[in-house]
C-alpha atoms as a PDB file:
ATOM      1  CA  MET A   1     117.475  91.081  95.021  1.00  0.00           C
ATOM      2  CA  ALA A   2     114.215  90.242  93.231  1.00  0.00           C
ATOM      3  CA  ALA A   3     112.365  87.116  94.333  1.00  0.00           C
ATOM      4  CA  THR A   4     112.937  84.036  92.199  1.00  0.00           C
ATOM      5  CA  ILE A   5     109.867  82.445  90.625  1.00  0.00           C
ATOM      6  CA  ASP A   6     109.026  78.840  89.687  1.00  0.00           C
ATOM      7  CA  ILE A   7     105.950  78.501  87.476  1.00  0.00           C
ATOM      8  CA  VAL A   8     104.556  74.965  87.355  1.00  0.00           C
ATOM      9  CA  ILE A   9     102.281  73.705  84.592  1.00  0.00           C
ATOM     10  CA  PRO A  10     100.747  70.349  85.585  1.00  0.00           C
ATOM     11  CA  VAL A  11      99.920  68.247  82.527  1.00  0.00           C
ATOM     12  CA  TYR A  12      98.357  64.935  81.651  1.00  0.00           C
ATOM     13  CA  ASN A  13      98.178  63.923  77.985  1.00  0.00           C
ATOM     14  CA  GLU A  14      98.681  67.468  76.684  1.00  0.00           C
ATOM     15  CA  GLU A  15     100.953  66.887  73.695  1.00  0.00           C
ATOM     16  CA  GLN A  16      98.721  69.060  71.509  1.00  0.00           C
ATOM     17  CA  ALA A  17      98.348  72.039  73.860  1.00  0.00           C
ATOM     18  CA  LEU A  18     101.912  72.262  75.193  1.00  0.00           C
ATOM     19  CA  PRO A  19     103.823  73.779  72.240  1.00  0.00           C
ATOM     20  CA  ARG A  20     101.482  76.752  71.890  1.00  0.00           C
ATOM     21  CA  SER A  21     101.207  77.320  75.639  1.00  0.00           C
ATOM     22  CA  ILE A  22     104.943  77.249  76.269  1.00  0.00           C
ATOM     23  CA  LEU A  23     105.591  79.604  73.348  1.00  0.00           C
ATOM     24  CA  ILE A  24     103.030  82.124  74.621  1.00  0.00           C
ATOM     25  CA  LEU A  25     104.141  81.827  78.249  1.00  0.00           C
ATOM     26  CA  SER A  26     107.856  82.050  77.489  1.00  0.00           C
ATOM     27  CA  ASP A  27     107.389  85.158  75.339  1.00  0.00           C
ATOM     28  CA  PHE A  28     105.208  86.778  78.008  1.00  0.00           C
ATOM     29  CA  LEU A  29     107.664  86.113  80.824  1.00  0.00           C
ATOM     30  CA  LYS A  30     110.610  87.490  78.869  1.00  0.00           C
ATOM     31  CA  ALA A  31     108.693  90.679  78.119  1.00  0.00           C
ATOM     32  CA  ASN A  32     106.848  91.251  81.380  1.00  0.00           C
ATOM     33  CA  LEU A  33     108.530  89.619  84.379  1.00  0.00           C
ATOM     34  CA  THR A  34     111.725  91.140  85.755  1.00  0.00           C
ATOM     35  CA  ASN A  35     112.147  88.460  88.431  1.00  0.00           C
ATOM     36  CA  PRO A  36     114.403  85.472  87.681  1.00  0.00           C
ATOM     37  CA  TRP A  37     112.031  82.712  86.596  1.00  0.00           C
ATOM     38  CA  GLN A  38     111.775  79.183  85.328  1.00  0.00           C
ATOM     39  CA  VAL A  39     108.885  77.133  83.965  1.00  0.00           C
ATOM     40  CA  ILE A  40     108.431  73.521  85.064  1.00  0.00           C
ATOM     41  CA  ILE A  41     106.271  71.184  82.982  1.00  0.00           C
ATOM     42  CA  ALA A  42     105.072  68.712  85.628  1.00  0.00           C
ATOM     43  CA  ASP A  43     103.914  65.600  83.794  1.00  0.00           C
ATOM     44  CA  ASN A  44     101.783  63.301  85.935  1.00  0.00           C
ATOM     45  CA  ALA A  45     101.979  59.966  84.135  1.00  0.00           C
ATOM     46  CA  SER A  46     100.910  60.982  80.619  1.00  0.00           C
ATOM     47  CA  THR A  47     100.333  58.080  78.250  1.00  0.00           C
ATOM     48  CA  ASP A  48     100.532  59.990  74.953  1.00  0.00           C
ATOM     49  CA  GLY A  49     103.497  61.900  73.494  1.00  0.00           C
ATOM     50  CA  THR A  50     103.558  64.559  76.202  1.00  0.00           C
ATOM     51  CA  ARG A  51     106.969  63.492  77.522  1.00  0.00           C
ATOM     52  CA  LYS A  52     108.634  63.678  74.123  1.00  0.00           C
ATOM     53  CA  VAL A  53     107.065  67.043  73.343  1.00  0.00           C
ATOM     54  CA  ALA A  54     107.918  68.472  76.777  1.00  0.00           C
ATOM     55  CA  GLU A  55     111.548  67.358  76.558  1.00  0.00           C
ATOM     56  CA  GLN A  56     111.820  68.977  73.133  1.00  0.00           C
ATOM     57  CA  LEU A  57     110.373  72.223  74.509  1.00  0.00           C
ATOM     58  CA  ALA A  58     112.794  72.145  77.447  1.00  0.00           C
ATOM     59  CA  ARG A  59     115.687  71.972  74.979  1.00  0.00           C
ATOM     60  CA  LYS A  60     114.227  74.710  72.777  1.00  0.00           C
ATOM     61  CA  TYR A  61     113.337  77.338  75.384  1.00  0.00           C
ATOM     62  CA  ALA A  62     115.719  78.719  77.986  1.00  0.00           C
ATOM     63  CA  GLY A  63     114.232  78.503  81.462  1.00  0.00           C
ATOM     64  CA  VAL A  64     111.821  75.657  80.630  1.00  0.00           C
ATOM     65  CA  HIS A  65     112.289  72.337  82.438  1.00  0.00           C
ATOM     66  CA  TYR A  66     110.547  68.968  82.456  1.00  0.00           C
ATOM     67  CA  LEU A  67     109.579  66.920  85.507  1.00  0.00           C
ATOM     68  CA  HIS A  68     108.073  63.453  85.140  1.00  0.00           C
ATOM     69  CA  MET A  69     106.008  61.613  87.751  1.00  0.00           C
ATOM     70  CA  PRO A  70     104.988  57.966  87.366  1.00  0.00           C
ATOM     71  CA  GLN A  71     101.584  58.475  89.024  1.00  0.00           C
ATOM     72  CA  LYS A  72      98.557  60.511  87.973  1.00  0.00           C
ATOM     73  CA  GLY A  73      97.178  63.449  89.914  1.00  0.00           C
ATOM     74  CA  ARG A  74      97.346  67.197  89.373  1.00  0.00           C
ATOM     75  CA  GLY A  75      97.742  67.742  93.099  1.00  0.00           C
ATOM     76  CA  ARG A  76     100.552  65.207  93.181  1.00  0.00           C
ATOM     77  CA  ALA A  77     102.313  67.076  90.368  1.00  0.00           C
ATOM     78  CA  LEU A  78     102.047  70.393  92.205  1.00  0.00           C
ATOM     79  CA  ARG A  79     103.121  68.865  95.518  1.00  0.00           C
ATOM     80  CA  THR A  80     106.227  67.310  93.976  1.00  0.00           C
ATOM     81  CA  ALA A  81     107.272  70.359  91.965  1.00  0.00           C
ATOM     82  CA  TRP A  82     106.638  72.879  94.738  1.00  0.00           C
ATOM     83  CA  LEU A  83     108.365  70.930  97.492  1.00  0.00           C
ATOM     84  CA  GLN A  84     111.402  70.338  95.276  1.00  0.00           C
ATOM     85  CA  SER A  85     111.594  74.008  94.371  1.00  0.00           C
ATOM     86  CA  THR A  86     114.179  76.349  95.882  1.00  0.00           C
ATOM     87  CA  ALA A  87     112.510  79.472  94.448  1.00  0.00           C
ATOM     88  CA  ASP A  88     111.213  82.249  96.697  1.00  0.00           C
ATOM     89  CA  ILE A  89     107.770  82.027  95.093  1.00  0.00           C
ATOM     90  CA  VAL A  90     106.028  79.024  93.529  1.00  0.00           C
ATOM     91  CA  CYS A  91     103.123  79.422  91.111  1.00  0.00           C
ATOM     92  CA  TYR A  92     100.992  77.306  88.878  1.00  0.00           C
ATOM     93  CA  MET A  93      98.666  77.790  85.966  1.00  0.00           C
ATOM     94  CA  ASP A  94      96.626  75.460  83.789  1.00  0.00           C
ATOM     95  CA  VAL A  95      98.112  74.470  80.453  1.00  0.00           C
ATOM     96  CA  ASP A  96      95.166  75.947  78.524  1.00  0.00           C
ATOM     97  CA  LEU A  97      96.111  79.445  79.795  1.00  0.00           C
ATOM     98  CA  SER A  98      92.442  80.204  80.430  1.00  0.00           C
ATOM     99  CA  THR A  99      93.487  82.988  82.813  1.00  0.00           C
ATOM    100  CA  GLU A 100      95.033  85.976  81.056  1.00  0.00           C
ATOM    101  CA  LEU A 101      98.765  86.089  81.739  1.00  0.00           C
ATOM    102  CA  VAL A 102      98.639  89.800  82.457  1.00  0.00           C
ATOM    103  CA  HIS A 103      97.492  88.825  85.964  1.00  0.00           C
ATOM    104  CA  LEU A 104     100.653  86.827  86.770  1.00  0.00           C
ATOM    105  CA  PRO A 105     102.675  89.899  87.832  1.00  0.00           C
ATOM    106  CA  GLU A 106      99.752  90.820  90.087  1.00  0.00           C
ATOM    107  CA  LEU A 107     100.088  87.496  91.925  1.00  0.00           C
ATOM    108  CA  ILE A 108     103.806  88.124  92.395  1.00  0.00           C
ATOM    109  CA  GLN A 109     103.269  91.702  93.552  1.00  0.00           C
ATOM    110  CA  SER A 110     100.742  90.522  96.146  1.00  0.00           C
ATOM    111  CA  LEU A 111     103.301  88.186  97.718  1.00  0.00           C
ATOM    112  CA  GLU A 112     106.045  90.784  97.569  1.00  0.00           C
ATOM    113  CA  ALA A 113     103.651  93.147  99.366  1.00  0.00           C
ATOM    114  CA  GLY A 114     103.360  90.750 102.320  1.00  0.00           C
ATOM    115  CA  TYR A 115     100.678  88.193 101.517  1.00  0.00           C
ATOM    116  CA  ASP A 116     101.424  84.476 101.875  1.00  0.00           C
ATOM    117  CA  ILE A 117      99.223  83.228  99.031  1.00  0.00           C
ATOM    118  CA  ALA A 118      97.711  84.935  95.994  1.00  0.00           C
ATOM    119  CA  VAL A 119      94.842  83.345  94.076  1.00  0.00           C
ATOM    120  CA  GLY A 120      93.216  84.178  90.794  1.00  0.00           C
ATOM    121  CA  SER A 121      89.538  84.824  91.469  1.00  0.00           C
ATOM    122  CA  ARG A 122      86.770  84.533  88.898  1.00  0.00           C
ATOM    123  CA  LEU A 123      84.131  85.494  91.473  1.00  0.00           C
ATOM    124  CA  SER A 124      85.575  88.749  92.816  1.00  0.00           C
ATOM    125  CA  PRO A 125      84.276  92.165  91.770  1.00  0.00           C
ATOM    126  CA  GLY A 126      86.267  93.229  88.743  1.00  0.00           C
ATOM    127  CA  SER A 127      86.747  89.750  87.323  1.00  0.00           C
ATOM    128  CA  ARG A 128      85.608  89.009  83.763  1.00  0.00           C
ATOM    129  CA  VAL A 129      84.597  85.431  83.066  1.00  0.00           C
ATOM    130  CA  THR A 130      83.301  83.667  79.983  1.00  0.00           C
ATOM    131  CA  ARG A 131      81.859  80.218  80.698  1.00  0.00           C
ATOM    132  CA  SER A 132      78.622  78.285  80.563  1.00  0.00           C
ATOM    133  CA  PHE A 133      75.781  78.961  82.979  1.00  0.00           C
ATOM    134  CA  LYS A 134      76.131  75.405  84.329  1.00  0.00           C
ATOM    135  CA  ARG A 135      79.809  75.785  85.213  1.00  0.00           C
ATOM    136  CA  GLU A 136      79.233  79.247  86.682  1.00  0.00           C
ATOM    137  CA  ALA A 137      76.393  78.004  88.889  1.00  0.00           C
ATOM    138  CA  ILE A 138      78.351  74.978  90.114  1.00  0.00           C
ATOM    139  CA  SER A 139      81.348  77.158  90.955  1.00  0.00           C
ATOM    140  CA  ARG A 140      79.303  79.676  92.930  1.00  0.00           C
ATOM    141  CA  ILE A 141      77.444  76.975  94.874  1.00  0.00           C
ATOM    142  CA  TYR A 142      80.652  75.112  95.666  1.00  0.00           C
ATOM    143  CA  ASN A 143      82.507  78.168  96.917  1.00  0.00           C
ATOM    144  CA  ARG A 144      79.495  79.180  98.975  1.00  0.00           C
ATOM    145  CA  MET A 145      79.579  75.742 100.599  1.00  0.00           C
ATOM    146  CA  ILE A 146      83.209  76.278 101.576  1.00  0.00           C
ATOM    147  CA  ARG A 147      82.473  79.616 103.246  1.00  0.00           C
ATOM    148  CA  ILE A 148      79.488  78.195 105.157  1.00  0.00           C
ATOM    149  CA  MET A 149      81.279  75.034 106.301  1.00  0.00           C
ATOM    150  CA  PHE A 150      84.639  76.575 107.256  1.00  0.00           C
ATOM    151  CA  PHE A 151      83.946  80.298 107.794  1.00  0.00           C
ATOM    152  CA  THR A 152      86.609  81.266 105.275  1.00  0.00           C
ATOM    153  CA  SER A 153      86.704  84.459 103.235  1.00  0.00           C
ATOM    154  CA  PHE A 154      88.371  83.550  99.940  1.00  0.00           C
ATOM    155  CA  ASP A 155      85.819  83.432  97.147  1.00  0.00           C
ATOM    156  CA  ASP A 156      87.295  81.150  94.458  1.00  0.00           C
ATOM    157  CA  ALA A 157      89.096  77.976  95.490  1.00  0.00           C
ATOM    158  CA  GLN A 158      89.287  76.343  92.080  1.00  0.00           C
ATOM    159  CA  CYS A 159      90.836  78.825  89.652  1.00  0.00           C
ATOM    160  CA  GLY A 160      93.984  77.242  88.208  1.00  0.00           C
ATOM    161  CA  PHE A 161      96.107  80.318  88.807  1.00  0.00           C
ATOM    162  CA  LYS A 162      97.825  80.588  92.188  1.00  0.00           C
ATOM    163  CA  ALA A 163     101.096  81.595  93.860  1.00  0.00           C
ATOM    164  CA  LEU A 164     102.609  80.924  97.299  1.00  0.00           C
ATOM    165  CA  THR A 165     105.706  81.988  99.141  1.00  0.00           C
ATOM    166  CA  ARG A 166     108.198  79.182  99.673  1.00  0.00           C
ATOM    167  CA  GLN A 167     107.617  79.370 103.423  1.00  0.00           C
ATOM    168  CA  ALA A 168     103.857  78.965 102.991  1.00  0.00           C
ATOM    169  CA  ALA A 169     104.233  76.095 100.539  1.00  0.00           C
ATOM    170  CA  ARG A 170     106.597  74.132 102.772  1.00  0.00           C
ATOM    171  CA  ALA A 171     104.366  74.596 105.821  1.00  0.00           C
ATOM    172  CA  ILE A 172     101.017  73.840 104.162  1.00  0.00           C
ATOM    173  CA  ILE A 173     101.561  71.384 101.292  1.00  0.00           C
ATOM    174  CA  PRO A 174     102.764  68.420 103.411  1.00  0.00           C
ATOM    175  CA  GLN A 175      99.444  68.609 105.287  1.00  0.00           C
ATOM    176  CA  VAL A 176      97.324  68.353 102.127  1.00  0.00           C
ATOM    177  CA  LYS A 177      96.107  64.782 101.619  1.00  0.00           C
ATOM    178  CA  ASN A 178      94.357  65.056  98.266  1.00  0.00           C
ATOM    179  CA  ASN A 179      96.450  64.469  95.137  1.00  0.00           C
ATOM    180  CA  ASN A 180      93.876  65.398  92.526  1.00  0.00           C
ATOM    181  CA  TRP A 181      91.418  68.257  91.896  1.00  0.00           C
ATOM    182  CA  PHE A 182      90.512  68.904  95.540  1.00  0.00           C
ATOM    183  CA  PHE A 183      94.161  69.756  96.237  1.00  0.00           C
ATOM    184  CA  ASP A 184      93.567  73.514  95.702  1.00  0.00           C
ATOM    185  CA  THR A 185      90.581  73.722  98.009  1.00  0.00           C
ATOM    186  CA  GLU A 186      92.224  71.714 100.769  1.00  0.00           C
ATOM    187  CA  MET A 187      95.366  73.840 100.550  1.00  0.00           C
ATOM    188  CA  LEU A 188      93.414  77.092 100.865  1.00  0.00           C
ATOM    189  CA  ILE A 189      91.234  75.897 103.748  1.00  0.00           C
ATOM    190  CA  ILE A 190      94.310  74.745 105.693  1.00  0.00           C
ATOM    191  CA  ALA A 191      96.053  78.033 104.932  1.00  0.00           C
ATOM    192  CA  ALA A 192      93.099  80.217 105.911  1.00  0.00           C
ATOM    193  CA  LYS A 193      92.451  78.369 109.170  1.00  0.00           C
ATOM    194  CA  GLY A 194      96.173  78.525 109.961  1.00  0.00           C
ATOM    195  CA  GLY A 195      96.269  82.311 109.715  1.00  0.00           C
ATOM    196  CA  TYR A 196      97.963  82.629 106.342  1.00  0.00           C
ATOM    197  CA  ARG A 197      97.072  85.765 104.405  1.00  0.00           C
ATOM    198  CA  ILE A 198      95.385  85.187 101.053  1.00  0.00           C
ATOM    199  CA  ALA A 199      95.126  87.885  98.395  1.00  0.00           C
ATOM    200  CA  PRO A 200      92.320  87.527  95.825  1.00  0.00           C
ATOM    201  CA  VAL A 201      93.286  88.780  92.370  1.00  0.00           C
ATOM    202  CA  PRO A 202      90.321  89.400  90.035  1.00  0.00           C
ATOM    203  CA  VAL A 203      91.089  87.862  86.648  1.00  0.00           C
ATOM    204  CA  ARG A 204      89.930  87.714  83.062  1.00  0.00           C
ATOM    205  CA  TRP A 205      89.142  84.040  82.451  1.00  0.00           C
ATOM    206  CA  LEU A 206      87.942  82.297  79.313  1.00  0.00           C
ATOM    207  CA  ASP A 207      86.542  78.768  79.513  1.00  0.00           C
ATOM    208  CA  ASP A 208      88.359  76.163  77.425  1.00  0.00           C
ATOM    209  CA  PRO A 209      85.699  74.258  75.444  1.00  0.00           C
ATOM    210  CA  THR A 210      88.112  71.347  74.889  1.00  0.00           C
ATOM    211  CA  THR A 211      88.750  70.726  78.586  1.00  0.00           C
ATOM    212  CA  THR A 212      88.881  67.077  79.638  1.00  0.00           C
ATOM    213  CA  VAL A 213      87.801  67.783  83.219  1.00  0.00           C
ATOM    214  CA  LYS A 214      84.841  65.585  84.203  1.00  0.00           C
ATOM    215  CA  ILE A 215      82.479  67.883  86.095  1.00  0.00           C
ATOM    216  CA  PHE A 216      80.455  65.215  87.920  1.00  0.00           C
ATOM    217  CA  ARG A 217      83.550  63.284  88.994  1.00  0.00           C
ATOM    218  CA  THR A 218      85.286  66.469  90.148  1.00  0.00           C
ATOM    219  CA  VAL A 219      82.239  67.692  92.089  1.00  0.00           C
ATOM    220  CA  THR A 220      81.917  64.310  93.812  1.00  0.00           C
ATOM    221  CA  GLU A 221      85.588  64.367  94.818  1.00  0.00           C
ATOM    222  CA  ASP A 222      85.262  67.945  96.080  1.00  0.00           C
ATOM    223  CA  ILE A 223      82.231  67.217  98.257  1.00  0.00           C
ATOM    224  CA  LYS A 224      83.914  64.153  99.747  1.00  0.00           C
ATOM    225  CA  GLY A 225      86.952  66.293 100.502  1.00  0.00           C
ATOM    226  CA  LEU A 226      84.906  68.990 102.196  1.00  0.00           C
ATOM    227  CA  LEU A 227      83.156  66.410 104.367  1.00  0.00           C
ATOM    228  CA  ARG A 228      86.491  64.812 105.295  1.00  0.00           C
ATOM    229  CA  LEU A 229      87.837  68.155 106.513  1.00  0.00           C
ATOM    230  CA  ARG A 230      84.608  69.167 108.211  1.00  0.00           C
ATOM    231  CA  LEU A 231      84.160  65.892 110.092  1.00  0.00           C
ATOM    232  CA  GLY A 232      87.802  64.939 110.573  1.00  0.00           C
ATOM    233  CA  GLY A 233      89.172  68.384 111.266  1.00  0.00           C
ATOM    234  CA  VAL A 234      91.438  70.766 109.384  1.00  0.00           C
ATOM    235  CA  PRO A 235      95.144  69.946 109.892  1.00  0.00           C
ATOM    236  CA  LYS A 236      97.159  72.400 111.950  1.00  0.00           C
ATOM    237  CA  VAL A 237     100.173  74.079 110.376  1.00  0.00           C
ATOM    238  CA  ALA A 238     103.071  76.162 111.627  1.00  0.00           C
ATOM    239  CA  PRO A 239     102.012  79.811 111.827  1.00  0.00           C
ATOM    240  CA  PRO A 240     103.152  82.171 109.070  1.00  0.00           C
ATOM    241  CA  GLU A 241     106.068  84.518 109.460  1.00  0.00           C
ATOM    242  CA  HIS A 242     105.113  87.982 110.644  1.00  0.00           C
ATOM    243  CA  ARG A 243     104.694  89.788 107.322  1.00  0.00           C
ATOM    244  CA  VAL A 244     102.318  92.748 107.334  1.00  0.00           C
ATOM    245  CA  PRO A 245     100.497  93.073 103.997  1.00  0.00           C
ATOM    246  CA  ARG A 246     100.291  96.500 102.417  1.00  0.00           C
ATOM    247  CA  LYS A 247      96.819  97.319 101.176  1.00  0.00           C
ATOM    248  CA  GLY A 248      96.656  97.594  97.411  1.00  0.00           C
ATOM    249  CA  PRO A 249      94.478  97.140  94.372  1.00  0.00           C
ATOM    250  CA  VAL A 250      94.501  93.351  94.607  1.00  0.00           C
ATOM    251  CA  GLY A 251      92.364  93.290  97.757  1.00  0.00           C
ATOM    252  CA  GLU A 252      92.478  93.027 101.510  1.00  0.00           C
ATOM    253  CA  ALA A 253      94.149  90.359 103.586  1.00  0.00           C
ATOM    254  CA  VAL A 254      91.959  87.341 104.176  1.00  0.00           C
ATOM    255  CA  ARG A 255      91.816  86.086 107.752  1.00  0.00           C
ATOM    256  CA  SER A 256      89.844  83.236 109.206  1.00  0.00           C
END
């Protein structure tokens, strides 16, 4: 039986972007994903009309569901949705669909081939990225810091395009303390140091010029998070199940 898939889209005040994104995603999944799937709009305390729009979309599209949380935090939204999920594989992508959806089956195939986590990578050979020099430089410096501080091998912690097996999610996510933008980085560092196998998937990624992400605030949070893990120690997690990855076009297993 094919693995079941839950695809989470964390949102905060995205009433304008949601209708287009859900239409595109729903059409893509119907045409390209043979696994049983569902989409979960994880609303972390939106104050605009996001809830109304999301509930309308959930009624309109089969397989689309709405989950509301009373507190803000993208990490909190992912934590809640993933830990509630009973699917074999949990994924997430940003609502702006900056990463081309053609790469979603590649994430799934990586996990089905034996990896524990698959991450979209904008910094791997073969990736194609369109974004400002400033954002590119910050991303490369930040990911270099991670490798130097924690001796990890994954090359892009921040791309909003990831998938985990249910076993990996349930072992790792409860140990992640951050509920905001550092959530991804903390999750991957814990996973890598715990022996979980991470597959990098080179992606085509187009920067969203309307993004509301505050670069300075996010960078500050990220650096504080890295220092917390470096000085306080990386939490230990239960070791992964013995699943031997098959080598393929998505990359080699990442071990730390």
